[in-house]
């Protein structure tokens, strides 16, 4: 016997708001974990980097940054290959 629970008002604004809130919470949790890993490794996190991490809502990007945080030696290592980070002609970021 299985039990299926549906959110009241399926397909409504309420459900949409609920799901968006759930995703926002997941993003906040992932950002928090990234910052915690960096802290535990003794890596200083500038305010601009902290803001970039905590304001990101893309769970895939946050997962990538989390993976990178495990081996990072500097906070900037999280964004090393991101297309959003412009690099100078000499290759420096």
N, C-alpha and C. Protein backbone atom coordinates (compact mmCIF):
# COMPACT_ATOMS: atom_id res chain seq x y z
N UNK A 1 0.85 -1.17 0.00
CA UNK A 1 0.00 0.00 0.00
C UNK A 1 0.90 1.24 0.00
N UNK A 2 0.62 2.15 -0.89
CA UNK A 2 1.43 3.36 -0.95
C UNK A 2 0.60 4.58 -0.58
N UNK A 3 1.30 5.59 -0.13
CA UNK A 3 0.67 6.83 0.29
C UNK A 3 1.22 7.95 -0.57
N UNK A 4 0.34 8.68 -1.20
CA UNK A 4 0.75 9.79 -2.05
C UNK A 4 0.19 11.07 -1.44
N UNK A 5 1.08 12.01 -1.23
CA UNK A 5 0.66 13.29 -0.67
C UNK A 5 0.86 14.38 -1.71
N UNK A 6 -0.15 15.11 -1.98
CA UNK A 6 -0.07 16.21 -2.93
C UNK A 6 -0.17 17.52 -2.18
N UNK A 7 0.60 18.48 -2.62
CA UNK A 7 0.52 19.81 -2.02
C UNK A 7 -0.86 20.37 -2.31
N UNK A 8 -1.52 20.92 -1.31
CA UNK A 8 -2.86 21.47 -1.56
C UNK A 8 -2.79 22.58 -2.61
N UNK A 9 -3.69 22.56 -3.55
CA UNK A 9 -3.71 23.60 -4.58
C UNK A 9 -2.71 23.35 -5.68
N UNK A 10 -2.50 22.10 -6.06
CA UNK A 10 -1.54 21.77 -7.11
C UNK A 10 -1.68 22.69 -8.32
N UNK A 11 -0.54 23.20 -8.78
CA UNK A 11 -0.52 24.05 -9.96
C UNK A 11 -0.93 25.48 -9.68
N UNK A 12 -0.96 25.85 -8.44
CA UNK A 12 -1.40 27.20 -8.09
C UNK A 12 -0.20 28.07 -7.73
N UNK A 13 -0.49 29.32 -7.49
CA UNK A 13 0.54 30.26 -7.06
C UNK A 13 1.13 29.81 -5.73
N UNK A 14 0.29 29.24 -4.88
CA UNK A 14 0.76 28.75 -3.59
C UNK A 14 1.81 27.66 -3.75
N UNK A 15 1.53 26.71 -4.62
CA UNK A 15 2.47 25.63 -4.85
C UNK A 15 3.77 26.17 -5.43
N UNK A 16 3.66 27.07 -6.39
CA UNK A 16 4.85 27.67 -7.00
C UNK A 16 5.70 28.38 -5.96
N UNK A 17 5.06 29.15 -5.10
CA UNK A 17 5.78 29.86 -4.05
C UNK A 17 6.45 28.88 -3.09
N UNK A 18 5.74 27.81 -2.76
CA UNK A 18 6.29 26.78 -1.87
C UNK A 18 7.54 26.16 -2.49
N UNK A 19 7.45 25.78 -3.76
CA UNK A 19 8.59 25.13 -4.43
C UNK A 19 9.76 26.09 -4.58
N UNK A 20 9.49 27.35 -4.88
CA UNK A 20 10.56 28.34 -4.99
C UNK A 20 11.25 28.52 -3.64
N UNK A 21 10.47 28.55 -2.59
CA UNK A 21 11.04 28.67 -1.24
C UNK A 21 11.90 27.48 -0.88
N UNK A 22 11.46 26.31 -1.30
CA UNK A 22 12.22 25.09 -1.05
C UNK A 22 13.57 25.14 -1.78
N UNK A 23 13.57 25.57 -3.04
CA UNK A 23 14.81 25.69 -3.80
C UNK A 23 15.73 26.76 -3.20
N UNK A 24 15.14 27.85 -2.75
CA UNK A 24 15.93 28.91 -2.13
C UNK A 24 16.62 28.38 -0.87
N UNK A 25 15.89 27.59 -0.10
CA UNK A 25 16.47 26.99 1.10
C UNK A 25 17.61 26.05 0.77
N UNK A 26 17.46 25.28 -0.30
CA UNK A 26 18.54 24.38 -0.71
C UNK A 26 19.77 25.18 -1.14
N UNK A 27 19.56 26.27 -1.84
CA UNK A 27 20.69 27.11 -2.27
C UNK A 27 21.39 27.71 -1.07
N UNK A 28 20.63 28.18 -0.10
CA UNK A 28 21.22 28.74 1.12
C UNK A 28 22.04 27.70 1.86
N UNK A 29 21.53 26.47 1.93
CA UNK A 29 22.25 25.38 2.60
C UNK A 29 23.56 25.08 1.90
N UNK A 30 23.52 25.01 0.58
CA UNK A 30 24.75 24.71 -0.17
C UNK A 30 25.78 25.83 -0.02
N UNK A 31 25.31 27.07 -0.08
CA UNK A 31 26.23 28.20 0.09
C UNK A 31 26.87 28.16 1.48
N UNK A 32 26.07 27.84 2.47
CA UNK A 32 26.56 27.74 3.83
C UNK A 32 27.63 26.66 3.96
N UNK A 33 27.41 25.53 3.30
CA UNK A 33 28.39 24.44 3.35
C UNK A 33 29.69 24.83 2.67
N UNK A 34 29.59 25.53 1.56
CA UNK A 34 30.80 25.99 0.86
C UNK A 34 31.62 26.89 1.77
N UNK A 35 30.96 27.85 2.38
CA UNK A 35 31.66 28.78 3.28
C UNK A 35 32.25 28.05 4.48
N UNK A 36 31.54 27.04 4.96
CA UNK A 36 32.03 26.28 6.10
C UNK A 36 33.28 25.48 5.74
N UNK A 37 33.29 24.87 4.56
CA UNK A 37 34.47 24.11 4.12
C UNK A 37 35.68 25.05 4.02
N UNK A 38 35.47 26.21 3.41
CA UNK A 38 36.57 27.17 3.28
C UNK A 38 37.08 27.60 4.66
N UNK A 39 36.16 27.84 5.58
CA UNK A 39 36.52 28.23 6.94
C UNK A 39 37.33 27.12 7.63
N UNK A 40 36.88 25.88 7.50
CA UNK A 40 37.56 24.75 8.14
C UNK A 40 38.96 24.54 7.57
N UNK A 41 39.16 24.92 6.30
CA UNK A 41 40.49 24.82 5.69
C UNK A 41 41.34 26.05 5.98
N UNK A 42 40.79 27.00 6.73
CA UNK A 42 41.55 28.20 7.07
C UNK A 42 41.71 29.17 5.92
N UNK A 43 40.79 29.12 4.98
CA UNK A 43 40.87 29.99 3.80
C UNK A 43 40.04 31.24 4.03
N UNK A 44 40.68 32.42 3.99
CA UNK A 44 39.92 33.66 4.17
C UNK A 44 38.98 33.90 2.98
N UNK A 45 37.79 34.40 3.29
CA UNK A 45 36.78 34.66 2.25
C UNK A 45 36.47 36.15 2.24
N UNK A 46 36.90 36.86 1.19
CA UNK A 46 36.59 38.29 1.09
C UNK A 46 35.07 38.50 1.00
N UNK A 47 34.62 39.68 1.42
CA UNK A 47 33.19 39.98 1.40
C UNK A 47 32.58 39.82 0.01
N UNK A 48 33.30 40.22 -1.03
CA UNK A 48 32.77 40.11 -2.38
C UNK A 48 32.55 38.64 -2.78
N UNK A 49 33.46 37.77 -2.36
CA UNK A 49 33.34 36.34 -2.64
C UNK A 49 32.19 35.74 -1.84
N UNK A 50 32.09 36.13 -0.58
CA UNK A 50 31.00 35.65 0.28
C UNK A 50 29.65 36.06 -0.32
N UNK A 51 29.55 37.28 -0.81
CA UNK A 51 28.32 37.77 -1.43
C UNK A 51 27.99 36.98 -2.70
N UNK A 52 29.01 36.70 -3.49
CA UNK A 52 28.79 35.94 -4.74
C UNK A 52 28.27 34.54 -4.43
N UNK A 53 28.82 33.91 -3.41
CA UNK A 53 28.40 32.56 -3.04
C UNK A 53 26.98 32.58 -2.47
N UNK A 54 26.72 33.48 -1.55
CA UNK A 54 25.41 33.48 -0.88
C UNK A 54 24.29 34.00 -1.77
N UNK A 55 24.60 34.74 -2.81
CA UNK A 55 23.55 35.26 -3.69
C UNK A 55 23.26 34.33 -4.87
N UNK A 56 24.06 33.29 -5.04
CA UNK A 56 23.85 32.35 -6.13
C UNK A 56 22.65 31.46 -5.83
N UNK A 57 21.75 31.31 -6.80
CA UNK A 57 20.57 30.47 -6.63
C UNK A 57 20.61 29.25 -7.54
N UNK A 58 21.67 29.09 -8.32
CA UNK A 58 21.81 27.96 -9.24
C UNK A 58 22.42 26.78 -8.50
N UNK A 59 21.62 25.75 -8.27
CA UNK A 59 22.07 24.60 -7.49
C UNK A 59 23.22 23.86 -8.17
N UNK A 60 23.24 23.83 -9.49
CA UNK A 60 24.33 23.16 -10.20
C UNK A 60 25.66 23.90 -10.01
N UNK A 61 25.62 25.21 -10.10
CA UNK A 61 26.83 26.01 -9.88
C UNK A 61 27.30 25.85 -8.44
N UNK A 62 26.37 25.89 -7.49
CA UNK A 62 26.74 25.72 -6.08
C UNK A 62 27.35 24.35 -5.82
N UNK A 63 26.84 23.32 -6.49
CA UNK A 63 27.42 21.98 -6.36
C UNK A 63 28.85 21.96 -6.89
N UNK A 64 29.07 22.62 -8.03
CA UNK A 64 30.41 22.72 -8.60
C UNK A 64 31.35 23.44 -7.64
N UNK A 65 30.89 24.57 -7.11
CA UNK A 65 31.71 25.33 -6.17
C UNK A 65 32.00 24.53 -4.90
N UNK A 66 31.02 23.75 -4.44
CA UNK A 66 31.25 22.92 -3.26
C UNK A 66 32.36 21.92 -3.55
N UNK A 67 32.27 21.24 -4.69
CA UNK A 67 33.31 20.28 -5.06
C UNK A 67 34.68 20.94 -5.10
N UNK A 68 34.74 22.12 -5.67
CA UNK A 68 36.02 22.84 -5.75
C UNK A 68 36.49 23.30 -4.37
N UNK A 69 35.56 23.59 -3.47
CA UNK A 69 35.95 24.06 -2.13
C UNK A 69 36.71 22.98 -1.36
N UNK A 70 36.49 21.73 -1.70
CA UNK A 70 37.14 20.64 -0.99
C UNK A 70 38.65 20.61 -1.23
N UNK A 71 39.09 21.14 -2.37
CA UNK A 71 40.52 21.13 -2.70
C UNK A 71 41.09 22.54 -2.88
N UNK A 72 40.30 23.56 -2.64
CA UNK A 72 40.74 24.94 -2.87
C UNK A 72 41.84 25.35 -1.88
N UNK A 73 42.73 26.19 -2.36
CA UNK A 73 43.75 26.78 -1.49
C UNK A 73 43.49 28.27 -1.29
N UNK A 74 42.57 28.81 -2.09
CA UNK A 74 42.13 30.21 -1.97
C UNK A 74 40.67 30.26 -2.40
N UNK A 75 39.94 31.22 -1.87
CA UNK A 75 38.51 31.33 -2.19
C UNK A 75 38.29 31.52 -3.68
N UNK A 76 39.20 32.19 -4.35
CA UNK A 76 39.06 32.45 -5.78
C UNK A 76 39.14 31.17 -6.61
N UNK A 77 39.68 30.10 -6.03
CA UNK A 77 39.77 28.82 -6.75
C UNK A 77 38.39 28.29 -7.11
N UNK A 78 37.37 28.69 -6.38
CA UNK A 78 36.01 28.22 -6.68
C UNK A 78 35.57 28.65 -8.07
N UNK A 79 36.03 29.81 -8.50
CA UNK A 79 35.56 30.41 -9.75
C UNK A 79 36.58 30.30 -10.87
N UNK A 80 37.60 29.52 -10.71
CA UNK A 80 38.74 29.48 -11.64
C UNK A 80 38.35 29.30 -13.09
N UNK A 81 37.37 28.47 -13.38
CA UNK A 81 37.03 28.20 -14.77
C UNK A 81 35.66 28.70 -15.15
N UNK A 82 35.07 29.54 -14.31
CA UNK A 82 33.74 30.06 -14.61
C UNK A 82 33.81 31.06 -15.74
N UNK A 83 32.90 30.96 -16.72
CA UNK A 83 32.89 31.93 -17.82
C UNK A 83 32.53 33.33 -17.35
N UNK A 84 31.94 33.46 -16.16
CA UNK A 84 31.56 34.79 -15.64
C UNK A 84 32.78 35.58 -15.20
N UNK A 85 33.89 34.89 -14.93
CA UNK A 85 35.08 35.57 -14.44
C UNK A 85 35.95 35.92 -15.63
N UNK A 86 36.04 37.21 -15.95
CA UNK A 86 36.88 37.60 -17.09
C UNK A 86 38.36 37.41 -16.74
N UNK A 87 39.11 36.93 -17.68
CA UNK A 87 40.55 36.80 -17.45
C UNK A 87 41.27 37.82 -18.29
N UNK A 88 42.42 38.24 -17.79
CA UNK A 88 43.21 39.22 -18.54
C UNK A 88 43.93 38.51 -19.66
N UNK A 89 44.43 39.23 -20.65
CA UNK A 89 45.13 38.61 -21.78
C UNK A 89 46.32 37.76 -21.35
N UNK A 90 46.94 38.09 -20.20
CA UNK A 90 48.08 37.32 -19.76
C UNK A 90 47.68 36.04 -19.03
N UNK A 91 46.36 35.84 -18.86
CA UNK A 91 45.88 34.63 -18.21
C UNK A 91 45.64 34.78 -16.72
N UNK A 92 45.96 35.97 -16.17
CA UNK A 92 45.73 36.20 -14.76
C UNK A 92 44.27 36.54 -14.53
N UNK A 93 43.74 36.15 -13.37
CA UNK A 93 42.35 36.44 -13.04
C UNK A 93 42.28 37.57 -12.07
